[in-house]
């Protein structure tokens, strides 16, 4: 191979490497984490039997999903594992190990166990009013109230709440505009904007709650929701630049739910997002208006997301049995 051919080969290798990085960037970070975990579990399982996970035979992959089913994994989790294994093979230049028989087994699992998932219960307006009563006036309580109201009003995911920066806020006459730099609804990273309006009830106003937290904690840049040191319960504030993690955001919500007397096992940070959508549907607000907040691309997807928010609102028996 002469120098020109060597240079050409090096450039092609670099292009292939760059292409692989671009391909990885097409998925949200949480999705990529889940895929990596799925592939790792498959590799460990293969190692127990002395089998090579890459490339894997269709028979091996079929045995893997039967194993997952026996271990009690949900059909959705099994399907995600198949997707992760399939993508791993394709990106490595191998053919897909997910053949028709594997797909038939997955269909059988779905038929046998059903595909409905247990979703987080929504935090409705009435729940919200109860939860904020448990937000004390100290630093932790002020922060947690801001998390609760911002997350609910803007229908944010826990990852979006954790990632919020002061620089993502834009003051306007009617409230604040939040720019989500990277969200599930915006895989291209163009930035998805959602409004945080002033509301008449000051106790339920996310704008006022957020402003109070930023002022109290003297946060002028960087992460909005941060960890609080041991001095947080009182008049002292242990300043920190440490961003609150996604898990911590969820724990904040579960703790408030528990204090308010609800079952924390039924609720999560996702209950805020589901709560806004469900409450809006119950109030008769149009799907397009709800989608402008949640970022859903279709009415069908939104309807599967709303927790029975309009199941009784337009029931014909209400008119027929007066």
Protein backbone atom coordinates (compact mmCIF):
# COMPACT_ATOMS: atom_id res chain seq x y z
CA UNK A 1 0.00 0.00 0.00
CA UNK A 2 1.54 3.32 -1.07
CA UNK A 3 1.35 6.60 0.87
CA UNK A 4 -1.75 7.82 -0.99
CA UNK A 5 -3.60 4.58 -0.30
CA UNK A 6 -2.54 4.70 3.36
CA UNK A 7 -3.78 8.28 3.67
CA UNK A 8 -7.06 7.33 2.03
CA UNK A 9 -7.53 4.35 4.34
CA UNK A 10 -6.84 6.52 7.38
CA UNK A 11 -9.38 9.09 6.24
CA UNK A 12 -12.01 6.41 5.64
CA UNK A 13 -11.36 4.98 9.09
CA UNK A 14 -11.76 8.44 10.61
CA UNK A 15 -15.03 8.99 8.72
CA UNK A 16 -16.32 5.63 9.91
CA UNK A 17 -15.41 6.52 13.49
CA UNK A 18 -17.10 9.91 13.23
CA UNK A 19 -20.17 8.25 11.73
CA UNK A 20 -20.38 5.87 14.67
CA UNK A 21 -20.28 8.79 17.10
CA UNK A 22 -23.06 10.54 15.18
CA UNK A 23 -25.13 7.37 15.26
CA UNK A 24 -24.73 7.18 19.04
CA UNK A 25 -25.97 10.74 19.36
CA UNK A 26 -29.37 9.88 17.88
CA UNK A 27 -30.66 8.53 21.19
CA UNK A 28 -31.44 10.35 24.41
CA UNK A 29 -28.83 9.84 27.14
CA UNK A 30 -31.21 7.87 29.37
CA UNK A 31 -32.07 5.58 26.47
CA UNK A 32 -28.39 5.00 25.74
CA UNK A 33 -27.77 4.14 29.40
CA UNK A 34 -30.59 1.61 29.32
CA UNK A 35 -29.24 0.06 26.10
CA UNK A 36 -25.74 -0.21 27.53
CA UNK A 37 -27.12 -1.91 30.62
CA UNK A 38 -29.18 -4.33 28.50
CA UNK A 39 -26.16 -5.27 26.37
CA UNK A 40 -23.97 -5.71 29.47
CA UNK A 41 -26.50 -8.05 31.08
CA UNK A 42 -26.71 -10.08 27.87
CA UNK A 43 -22.91 -10.33 27.70
CA UNK A 44 -22.69 -11.52 31.31
CA UNK A 45 -25.38 -14.11 30.68
CA UNK A 46 -23.59 -15.36 27.57
CA UNK A 47 -20.34 -15.65 29.55
CA UNK A 48 -22.03 -18.05 31.99
CA UNK A 49 -22.55 -20.47 29.11
CA UNK A 50 -19.27 -19.76 27.35
CA UNK A 51 -21.05 -18.27 24.34
CA UNK A 52 -19.94 -15.30 22.26
CA UNK A 53 -22.42 -12.39 22.48
CA UNK A 54 -21.12 -10.72 19.31
CA UNK A 55 -22.09 -12.01 16.90
CA UNK A 56 -24.83 -13.95 18.64
CA UNK A 57 -26.97 -16.57 16.97
CA UNK A 58 -30.73 -16.17 16.71
CA UNK A 59 -31.09 -19.27 18.88
CA UNK A 60 -29.00 -17.66 21.63
CA UNK A 61 -31.03 -14.45 21.53
CA UNK A 62 -34.26 -16.46 21.64
CA UNK A 63 -33.02 -18.27 24.74
CA UNK A 64 -32.10 -14.90 26.28
CA UNK A 65 -35.60 -13.44 26.01
CA UNK A 66 -37.13 -16.67 27.37
CA UNK A 67 -34.71 -16.30 30.30
CA UNK A 68 -35.81 -12.69 30.85
CA UNK A 69 -39.46 -13.73 30.75
CA UNK A 70 -38.88 -16.43 33.37
CA UNK A 71 -37.13 -13.88 35.57
CA UNK A 72 -40.27 -11.72 35.47
CA UNK A 73 -39.08 -8.89 33.21
CA UNK A 74 -41.86 -6.84 31.64
CA UNK A 75 -42.54 -7.30 27.90
CA UNK A 76 -41.49 -3.68 27.30
CA UNK A 77 -38.12 -4.32 29.00
CA UNK A 78 -37.58 -7.51 26.98
CA UNK A 79 -38.39 -5.65 23.76
CA UNK A 80 -35.91 -2.90 24.68
CA UNK A 81 -33.22 -5.52 25.34
CA UNK A 82 -33.81 -6.99 21.89
CA UNK A 83 -33.49 -3.53 20.34
CA UNK A 84 -30.22 -2.91 22.19
CA UNK A 85 -28.74 -6.25 21.09
CA UNK A 86 -29.89 -5.69 17.53
CA UNK A 87 -28.35 -2.21 17.34
CA UNK A 88 -25.10 -3.49 18.85
CA UNK A 89 -24.83 -6.04 16.05
CA UNK A 90 -25.73 -3.66 13.24
CA UNK A 91 -23.31 -0.96 14.40
CA UNK A 92 -20.57 -3.57 14.61
CA UNK A 93 -21.24 -4.64 11.01
CA UNK A 94 -22.99 -7.93 11.77
CA UNK A 95 -26.39 -9.07 10.57
CA UNK A 96 -29.37 -8.89 12.92
CA UNK A 97 -29.77 -11.87 15.26
CA UNK A 98 -33.46 -10.99 15.71
CA UNK A 99 -35.04 -13.36 13.21
CA UNK A 100 -38.75 -14.22 12.70
CA UNK A 101 -38.65 -16.94 15.38
CA UNK A 102 -37.31 -14.48 17.97
CA UNK A 103 -40.10 -12.05 17.07
CA UNK A 104 -42.69 -14.83 17.40
CA UNK A 105 -41.42 -15.67 20.88
CA UNK A 106 -41.69 -12.00 21.84
CA UNK A 107 -45.27 -11.92 20.53
CA UNK A 108 -46.02 -15.01 22.61
CA UNK A 109 -44.64 -13.32 25.72
CA UNK A 110 -46.80 -10.26 25.06
CA UNK A 111 -49.93 -12.37 24.54
CA UNK A 112 -49.21 -14.43 27.65
CA UNK A 113 -48.46 -11.56 29.99
CA UNK A 114 -50.10 -8.58 28.32
CA UNK A 115 -48.36 -5.39 27.32
CA UNK A 116 -49.98 -2.87 29.65
CA UNK A 117 -47.50 -1.17 31.94
CA UNK A 118 -47.99 0.13 35.45
CA UNK A 119 -47.63 3.86 34.99
CA UNK A 120 -46.97 6.48 37.63
CA UNK A 121 -50.18 7.88 39.06
CA UNK A 122 -50.79 11.52 38.11
CA UNK A 123 -50.37 14.35 40.59
CA UNK A 124 -53.55 16.27 39.80
CA UNK A 125 -54.37 19.83 40.87
CA UNK A 126 -55.96 18.56 44.07
CA UNK A 127 -52.87 16.49 44.88
CA UNK A 128 -50.69 19.49 44.12
CA UNK A 129 -52.57 21.65 46.63
CA UNK A 130 -51.97 19.04 49.32
CA UNK A 131 -48.30 18.50 48.50
CA UNK A 132 -47.28 22.15 48.71
CA UNK A 133 -48.59 22.25 52.28
CA UNK A 134 -45.63 20.06 53.20
CA UNK A 135 -43.06 22.39 51.69
CA UNK A 136 -41.58 24.19 54.69
CA UNK A 137 -40.29 27.75 54.60
CA UNK A 138 -36.63 26.72 54.99
CA UNK A 139 -34.18 26.24 52.13
CA UNK A 140 -35.10 22.64 51.42
CA UNK A 141 -38.82 23.38 51.48
CA UNK A 142 -38.48 26.41 49.21
CA UNK A 143 -36.38 24.42 46.75
CA UNK A 144 -38.73 21.44 46.80
CA UNK A 145 -41.77 23.66 46.21
CA UNK A 146 -40.04 25.17 43.17
CA UNK A 147 -39.24 21.67 41.84
CA UNK A 148 -42.83 20.58 42.38
CA UNK A 149 -44.49 23.58 40.72
CA UNK A 150 -42.01 24.06 37.86
CA UNK A 151 -42.10 20.35 37.04
CA UNK A 152 -45.90 20.26 37.09
CA UNK A 153 -46.60 23.54 35.29
CA UNK A 154 -44.09 22.90 32.50
CA UNK A 155 -44.78 19.11 32.38
CA UNK A 156 -41.07 18.38 32.71
CA UNK A 157 -39.31 15.06 33.01
CA UNK A 158 -36.98 14.54 35.96
CA UNK A 159 -33.98 14.67 33.63
CA UNK A 160 -35.14 18.05 32.33
CA UNK A 161 -35.65 19.41 35.84
CA UNK A 162 -32.20 18.25 36.91
CA UNK A 163 -30.58 19.77 33.81
CA UNK A 164 -32.15 23.24 34.13
CA UNK A 165 -29.75 26.20 34.27
CA UNK A 166 -30.38 29.86 35.05
CA UNK A 167 -29.28 30.58 31.49
CA UNK A 168 -32.27 28.56 30.24
CA UNK A 169 -34.73 31.12 31.65
CA UNK A 170 -36.06 34.13 29.78
CA UNK A 171 -38.10 36.78 31.58
CA UNK A 172 -41.26 37.95 29.83
CA UNK A 173 -44.25 40.02 30.90
CA UNK A 174 -46.50 36.96 31.25
CA UNK A 175 -43.98 34.75 33.03
CA UNK A 176 -40.85 32.81 32.14
CA UNK A 177 -39.87 30.95 29.00
CA UNK A 178 -37.84 27.79 29.64
CA UNK A 179 -35.57 26.50 26.90
CA UNK A 180 -34.91 22.78 27.22
CA UNK A 181 -31.49 22.37 25.61
CA UNK A 182 -31.90 18.62 25.21
CA UNK A 183 -35.08 16.67 25.80
CA UNK A 184 -36.82 13.53 24.61
CA UNK A 185 -39.12 15.74 22.54
CA UNK A 186 -36.13 17.45 20.89
CA UNK A 187 -33.60 14.81 19.86
CA UNK A 188 -31.92 17.17 17.39
CA UNK A 189 -30.93 19.58 20.17
CA UNK A 190 -32.55 22.64 18.60
CA UNK A 191 -34.05 23.62 21.94
CA UNK A 192 -37.68 23.12 22.96
CA UNK A 193 -39.36 26.14 24.56
CA UNK A 194 -42.13 25.89 27.11
CA UNK A 195 -43.93 28.67 28.96
CA UNK A 196 -44.11 29.06 32.72
CA UNK A 197 -46.96 31.57 33.21
CA UNK A 198 -47.96 33.61 36.22
CA UNK A 199 -51.11 32.18 37.81
CA UNK A 200 -53.62 33.97 40.04
CA UNK A 201 -53.06 31.74 43.07
CA UNK A 202 -49.65 32.82 44.46
CA UNK A 203 -49.27 29.55 46.36
CA UNK A 204 -49.50 27.58 43.11
CA UNK A 205 -47.47 29.97 40.95
CA UNK A 206 -44.35 28.27 39.62
CA UNK A 207 -42.79 31.59 38.56
CA UNK A 208 -43.01 33.03 42.07
CA UNK A 209 -41.78 29.77 43.63
CA UNK A 210 -38.79 29.60 41.31
CA UNK A 211 -37.87 33.24 41.80
CA UNK A 212 -38.02 32.83 45.56
CA UNK A 213 -35.70 29.82 45.43
CA UNK A 214 -33.15 31.54 43.21
CA UNK A 215 -33.17 34.63 45.40
CA UNK A 216 -33.01 32.72 48.67
CA UNK A 217 -30.14 30.52 47.47
CA UNK A 218 -28.41 33.43 45.70
CA UNK A 219 -28.19 31.44 42.45
CA UNK A 220 -27.37 33.67 39.50
CA UNK A 221 -25.89 31.18 37.05
CA UNK A 222 -25.48 27.49 36.42
CA UNK A 223 -27.62 24.71 37.88
CA UNK A 224 -30.98 25.83 39.27
CA UNK A 225 -31.79 22.87 41.48
CA UNK A 226 -28.85 21.98 43.71
CA UNK A 227 -28.00 19.84 46.68
CA UNK A 228 -28.35 21.38 50.09
CA UNK A 229 -25.92 20.69 52.92
CA UNK A 230 -26.81 19.62 56.45
CA UNK A 231 -27.45 23.23 57.40
CA UNK A 232 -30.35 23.40 54.96
CA UNK A 233 -32.97 22.79 57.65
CA UNK A 234 -32.96 26.24 59.19
CA UNK A 235 -31.63 29.71 58.49
CA UNK A 236 -28.21 28.57 57.34
CA UNK A 237 -27.63 27.50 53.75
CA UNK A 238 -24.68 25.31 52.91
CA UNK A 239 -23.89 26.69 49.47
CA UNK A 240 -23.00 24.15 46.83
CA UNK A 241 -22.70 24.07 43.06
CA UNK A 242 -23.57 20.37 42.98
CA UNK A 243 -26.51 19.79 40.65
CA UNK A 244 -29.38 17.73 41.98
CA UNK A 245 -29.42 14.31 40.29
CA UNK A 246 -32.38 12.85 38.42
CA UNK A 247 -32.81 10.26 41.17
CA UNK A 248 -32.80 12.98 43.83
CA UNK A 249 -35.55 14.86 41.96
CA UNK A 250 -37.70 11.73 42.06
CA UNK A 251 -36.98 11.24 45.76
CA UNK A 252 -38.08 14.82 46.46
CA UNK A 253 -41.47 14.09 44.88
CA UNK A 254 -41.86 10.73 46.63
CA UNK A 255 -41.04 12.30 49.99
CA UNK A 256 -43.67 15.03 49.56
CA UNK A 257 -46.22 12.44 48.41
CA UNK A 258 -45.54 10.35 51.51
CA UNK A 259 -45.82 13.32 53.85
CA UNK A 260 -49.15 14.25 52.27
CA UNK A 261 -50.48 10.78 53.07
CA UNK A 262 -50.39 9.18 49.61
CA UNK A 263 -48.69 5.92 48.63
CA UNK A 264 -45.17 6.84 47.40
CA UNK A 265 -44.96 3.56 45.48
CA UNK A 266 -47.62 4.81 43.07
CA UNK A 267 -45.96 8.14 42.33
CA UNK A 268 -42.70 9.36 40.85
CA UNK A 269 -41.27 12.51 39.28
CA UNK A 270 -43.12 11.49 36.12
CA UNK A 271 -46.36 12.02 38.06
CA UNK A 272 -45.86 15.77 37.61
CA UNK A 273 -45.85 15.53 33.83
CA UNK A 274 -48.73 13.05 33.80
CA UNK A 275 -50.60 15.22 36.30
CA UNK A 276 -50.56 18.33 34.12
CA UNK A 277 -51.74 16.38 31.08
CA UNK A 278 -54.42 14.51 32.99
CA UNK A 279 -55.72 17.59 34.81
CA UNK A 280 -55.86 19.52 31.54
CA UNK A 281 -57.86 16.73 29.89
CA UNK A 282 -60.26 16.63 32.84
CA UNK A 283 -60.80 20.38 32.44
CA UNK A 284 -61.66 19.96 28.77
CA UNK A 285 -58.53 21.65 27.44
CA UNK A 286 -57.82 20.67 23.82
CA UNK A 287 -55.21 18.10 22.95
CA UNK A 288 -53.21 20.52 20.79
CA UNK A 289 -52.85 22.92 23.71
CA UNK A 290 -51.66 20.08 25.97
CA UNK A 291 -49.22 18.88 23.29
CA UNK A 292 -47.67 22.35 23.06
CA UNK A 293 -46.56 21.89 26.68
CA UNK A 294 -45.73 18.17 26.78
CA UNK A 295 -44.02 18.14 23.39
CA UNK A 296 -45.91 15.07 22.14
CA UNK A 297 -45.96 14.79 18.35
CA UNK A 298 -49.32 13.10 17.91
CA UNK A 299 -52.73 12.98 19.57
CA UNK A 300 -52.56 9.19 19.67
CA UNK A 301 -49.38 9.22 21.73
CA UNK A 302 -50.81 11.85 24.06
CA UNK A 303 -54.01 9.86 24.62
CA UNK A 304 -52.00 6.85 25.73
CA UNK A 305 -50.09 9.10 28.07
CA UNK A 306 -52.98 10.83 29.84
CA UNK A 307 -54.10 8.84 32.87
CA UNK A 308 -57.82 8.47 32.09
CA UNK A 309 -58.21 12.23 32.34
CA UNK A 310 -61.31 12.41 30.16
CA UNK A 311 -62.76 8.94 30.70
CA UNK A 312 -65.85 10.34 32.46
CA UNK A 313 -65.99 13.88 31.07
CA UNK A 314 -67.80 12.93 27.83
CA UNK A 315 -69.43 9.66 28.92
CA UNK A 316 -72.85 9.47 27.17
CA UNK A 317 -74.56 8.06 30.29
CA UNK A 318 -74.18 11.45 31.95
CA UNK A 319 -76.68 12.88 29.45
CA UNK A 320 -78.83 9.77 28.97
CA UNK A 321 -79.46 9.06 32.65
CA UNK A 322 -80.33 12.52 33.93
